Amino acid sequence: MKRNPRKVKWTKAFRRAAGKEMTVDSTLEFEKRRNIPVRYDRDLMQTTLKAIKRVQEIKQKREKVHYKNRMAGKKERELQENIKALQKNIELVEGDEIKQKIMEHKLEKQERNDMELV
């Protein structure tokens, strides 16, 4: 079965198109395949291995920063979603104190909306 790789969530193409992976980064250039055979040289191997370790460290740091930037507003969004869910399904909440807090929050929000309209 043929599928469009940009629409199938598990592909690299989808992840890059959705902004979930780094697409433009100089560390990705090191992972490209090179078709030129190189004669074995011990010093070259040592420097290459050192460079590989350093590039991996840099790449991990950049991936962490990328992830932090992606998840920047996640807690606030989750909090707002939870508040909405509580306000919609207030009858499922058992504690009276919690119900009062939710109702107060709902009233405050309505008052703010009314003030903005005026």
C-alpha atoms as a PDB file:
ATOM      1  CA  MET A   1       0.000   0.000   0.000  1.00  0.00           C
ATOM      2  CA  LYS A   2       1.412   3.361  -1.024  1.00  0.00           C
ATOM      3  CA  ARG A   3       1.303   6.154   1.516  1.00  0.00           C
ATOM      4  CA  ASN A   4       2.318   9.769   1.535  1.00  0.00           C
ATOM      5  CA  PRO A   5       5.298   9.960   3.922  1.00  0.00           C
ATOM      6  CA  ARG A   6       4.360  13.478   5.050  1.00  0.00           C
ATOM      7  CA  LYS A   7       1.000  12.201   6.289  1.00  0.00           C
ATOM      8  CA  VAL A   8       2.172   9.043   8.052  1.00  0.00           C
ATOM      9  CA  LYS A   9       3.144  10.036  11.581  1.00  0.00           C
ATOM     10  CA  TRP A  10       6.019   7.612  12.093  1.00  0.00           C
ATOM     11  CA  THR A  11       8.116   8.861   9.164  1.00  0.00           C
ATOM     12  CA  LYS A  12      10.996  11.326   9.326  1.00  0.00           C
ATOM     13  CA  ALA A  13       9.299  13.420   6.646  1.00  0.00           C
ATOM     14  CA  PHE A  14       6.220  13.905   8.845  1.00  0.00           C
ATOM     15  CA  ARG A  15       8.267  14.730  11.922  1.00  0.00           C
ATOM     16  CA  ARG A  16      10.287  17.326  10.027  1.00  0.00           C
ATOM     17  CA  ALA A  17       7.234  18.852   8.355  1.00  0.00           C
ATOM     18  CA  ALA A  18       5.419  19.094  11.706  1.00  0.00           C
ATOM     19  CA  GLY A  19       8.414  20.773  13.370  1.00  0.00           C
ATOM     20  CA  LYS A  20       9.046  17.901  15.754  1.00  0.00           C
ATOM     21  CA  GLU A  21      12.634  17.351  14.625  1.00  0.00           C
ATOM     22  CA  MET A  22      15.483  19.656  13.818  1.00  0.00           C
ATOM     23  CA  THR A  23      15.756  20.104  10.072  1.00  0.00           C
ATOM     24  CA  VAL A  24      18.388  22.786   9.676  1.00  0.00           C
ATOM     25  CA  ASP A  25      21.441  22.066  11.769  1.00  0.00           C
ATOM     26  CA  SER A  26      25.116  21.866  10.927  1.00  0.00           C
ATOM     27  CA  THR A  27      25.552  18.711  13.020  1.00  0.00           C
ATOM     28  CA  LEU A  28      23.333  16.813  10.594  1.00  0.00           C
ATOM     29  CA  GLU A  29      25.902  17.374   7.849  1.00  0.00           C
ATOM     30  CA  PHE A  30      28.306  14.981   9.574  1.00  0.00           C
ATOM     31  CA  GLU A  31      25.869  12.089   9.226  1.00  0.00           C
ATOM     32  CA  LYS A  32      25.805  12.208   5.440  1.00  0.00           C
ATOM     33  CA  ARG A  33      27.237   9.267   3.554  1.00  0.00           C
ATOM     34  CA  ARG A  34      30.483   9.911   1.756  1.00  0.00           C
ATOM     35  CA  ASN A  35      31.328   7.809  -1.257  1.00  0.00           C
ATOM     36  CA  ILE A  36      35.026   8.591  -1.375  1.00  0.00           C
ATOM     37  CA  PRO A  37      37.162   5.847   0.178  1.00  0.00           C
ATOM     38  CA  VAL A  38      39.886   7.133   2.477  1.00  0.00           C
ATOM     39  CA  ARG A  39      43.132   5.336   3.115  1.00  0.00           C
ATOM     40  CA  TYR A  40      43.499   4.245   6.743  1.00  0.00           C
ATOM     41  CA  ASP A  41      45.454   6.666   8.874  1.00  0.00           C
ATOM     42  CA  ARG A  42      45.720   6.195  12.616  1.00  0.00           C
ATOM     43  CA  ASP A  43      45.903   9.915  13.442  1.00  0.00           C
ATOM     44  CA  LEU A  44      42.971  10.668  11.185  1.00  0.00           C
ATOM     45  CA  MET A  45      40.929   7.962  12.924  1.00  0.00           C
ATOM     46  CA  GLN A  46      41.710   9.356  16.366  1.00  0.00           C
ATOM     47  CA  THR A  47      40.773  12.894  15.418  1.00  0.00           C
ATOM     48  CA  THR A  48      37.636  11.637  13.677  1.00  0.00           C
ATOM     49  CA  LEU A  49      36.497   9.718  16.752  1.00  0.00           C
ATOM     50  CA  LYS A  50      37.111  12.751  18.960  1.00  0.00           C
ATOM     51  CA  ALA A  51      35.178  14.904  16.527  1.00  0.00           C
ATOM     52  CA  ILE A  52      32.284  12.432  16.468  1.00  0.00           C
ATOM     53  CA  LYS A  53      31.982  12.551  20.258  1.00  0.00           C
ATOM     54  CA  ARG A  54      32.057  16.340  20.271  1.00  0.00           C
ATOM     55  CA  VAL A  55      29.477  16.580  17.482  1.00  0.00           C
ATOM     56  CA  GLN A  56      27.170  14.228  19.395  1.00  0.00           C
ATOM     57  CA  GLU A  57      27.440  16.409  22.507  1.00  0.00           C
ATOM     58  CA  ILE A  58      26.595  19.516  20.499  1.00  0.00           C
ATOM     59  CA  LYS A  59      23.703  17.751  18.795  1.00  0.00           C
ATOM     60  CA  GLN A  60      22.244  16.591  22.122  1.00  0.00           C
ATOM     61  CA  LYS A  61      22.405  20.116  23.540  1.00  0.00           C
ATOM     62  CA  ARG A  62      20.675  21.534  20.481  1.00  0.00           C
ATOM     63  CA  GLU A  63      17.998  18.834  20.620  1.00  0.00           C
ATOM     64  CA  LYS A  64      17.322  19.701  24.270  1.00  0.00           C
ATOM     65  CA  VAL A  65      16.917  23.369  23.388  1.00  0.00           C
ATOM     66  CA  HIS A  66      14.651  22.458  20.465  1.00  0.00           C
ATOM     67  CA  TYR A  67      12.495  20.299  22.757  1.00  0.00           C
ATOM     68  CA  LYS A  68      12.273  23.036  25.401  1.00  0.00           C
ATOM     69  CA  ASN A  69      11.158  25.540  22.786  1.00  0.00           C
ATOM     70  CA  ARG A  70       8.510  23.136  21.510  1.00  0.00           C
ATOM     71  CA  MET A  71       7.163  22.450  24.994  1.00  0.00           C
ATOM     72  CA  ALA A  72       7.285  26.070  26.172  1.00  0.00           C
ATOM     73  CA  GLY A  73       3.545  26.645  26.704  1.00  0.00           C
ATOM     74  CA  LYS A  74       2.512  23.069  27.391  1.00  0.00           C
ATOM     75  CA  LYS A  75       1.808  23.395  31.127  1.00  0.00           C
ATOM     76  CA  GLU A  76      -0.356  26.467  30.636  1.00  0.00           C
ATOM     77  CA  ARG A  77      -2.339  24.755  27.868  1.00  0.00           C
ATOM     78  CA  GLU A  78      -2.851  21.640  29.990  1.00  0.00           C
ATOM     79  CA  LEU A  79      -4.000  23.758  32.928  1.00  0.00           C
ATOM     80  CA  GLN A  80      -6.528  25.577  30.748  1.00  0.00           C
ATOM     81  CA  GLU A  81      -7.794  22.272  29.324  1.00  0.00           C
ATOM     82  CA  ASN A  82      -8.192  20.832  32.824  1.00  0.00           C
ATOM     83  CA  ILE A  83     -10.092  23.906  33.994  1.00  0.00           C
ATOM     84  CA  LYS A  84     -12.424  23.657  30.988  1.00  0.00           C
ATOM     85  CA  ALA A  85     -13.029  19.973  31.664  1.00  0.00           C
ATOM     86  CA  LEU A  86     -13.855  20.694  35.302  1.00  0.00           C
ATOM     87  CA  GLN A  87     -16.219  23.494  34.363  1.00  0.00           C
ATOM     88  CA  LYS A  88     -18.034  21.323  31.832  1.00  0.00           C
ATOM     89  CA  ASN A  89     -18.372  18.323  34.129  1.00  0.00           C
ATOM     90  CA  ILE A  90     -18.799  20.054  37.472  1.00  0.00           C
ATOM     91  CA  GLU A  91     -21.468  17.559  38.527  1.00  0.00           C
ATOM     92  CA  LEU A  92     -18.825  14.818  38.666  1.00  0.00           C
ATOM     93  CA  VAL A  93     -16.767  16.685  41.290  1.00  0.00           C
ATOM     94  CA  GLU A  94     -17.490  15.449  44.809  1.00  0.00           C
ATOM     95  CA  GLY A  95     -16.009  18.073  47.153  1.00  0.00           C
ATOM     96  CA  ASP A  96     -18.142  21.150  47.913  1.00  0.00           C
ATOM     97  CA  GLU A  97     -15.086  23.359  48.411  1.00  0.00           C
ATOM     98  CA  ILE A  98     -13.720  22.400  45.018  1.00  0.00           C
ATOM     99  CA  LYS A  99     -17.085  23.049  43.375  1.00  0.00           C
ATOM    100  CA  GLN A 100     -17.169  26.518  44.912  1.00  0.00           C
ATOM    101  CA  LYS A 101     -13.667  27.308  43.657  1.00  0.00           C
ATOM    102  CA  ILE A 102     -14.588  26.179  40.165  1.00  0.00           C
ATOM    103  CA  MET A 103     -17.754  28.255  40.190  1.00  0.00           C
ATOM    104  CA  GLU A 104     -15.825  31.311  41.457  1.00  0.00           C
ATOM    105  CA  HIS A 105     -13.282  30.875  38.680  1.00  0.00           C
ATOM    106  CA  LYS A 106     -16.102  30.590  36.158  1.00  0.00           C
ATOM    107  CA  LEU A 107     -17.745  33.770  37.463  1.00  0.00           C
ATOM    108  CA  GLU A 108     -14.443  35.667  37.366  1.00  0.00           C
ATOM    109  CA  LYS A 109     -13.941  34.632  33.779  1.00  0.00           C
ATOM    110  CA  GLN A 110     -17.450  35.765  32.846  1.00  0.00           C
ATOM    111  CA  GLU A 111     -16.885  39.124  34.570  1.00  0.00           C
ATOM    112  CA  ARG A 112     -13.636  39.613  32.658  1.00  0.00           C
ATOM    113  CA  ASN A 113     -15.407  38.859  29.395  1.00  0.00           C
ATOM    114  CA  ASP A 114     -18.193  41.305  30.283  1.00  0.00           C
ATOM    115  CA  MET A 115     -15.647  44.018  31.095  1.00  0.00           C
ATOM    116  CA  GLU A 116     -13.898  43.481  27.765  1.00  0.00           C
ATOM    117  CA  LEU A 117     -17.166  43.843  25.874  1.00  0.00           C
ATOM    118  CA  VAL A 118     -17.986  47.167  27.546  1.00  0.00           C
END
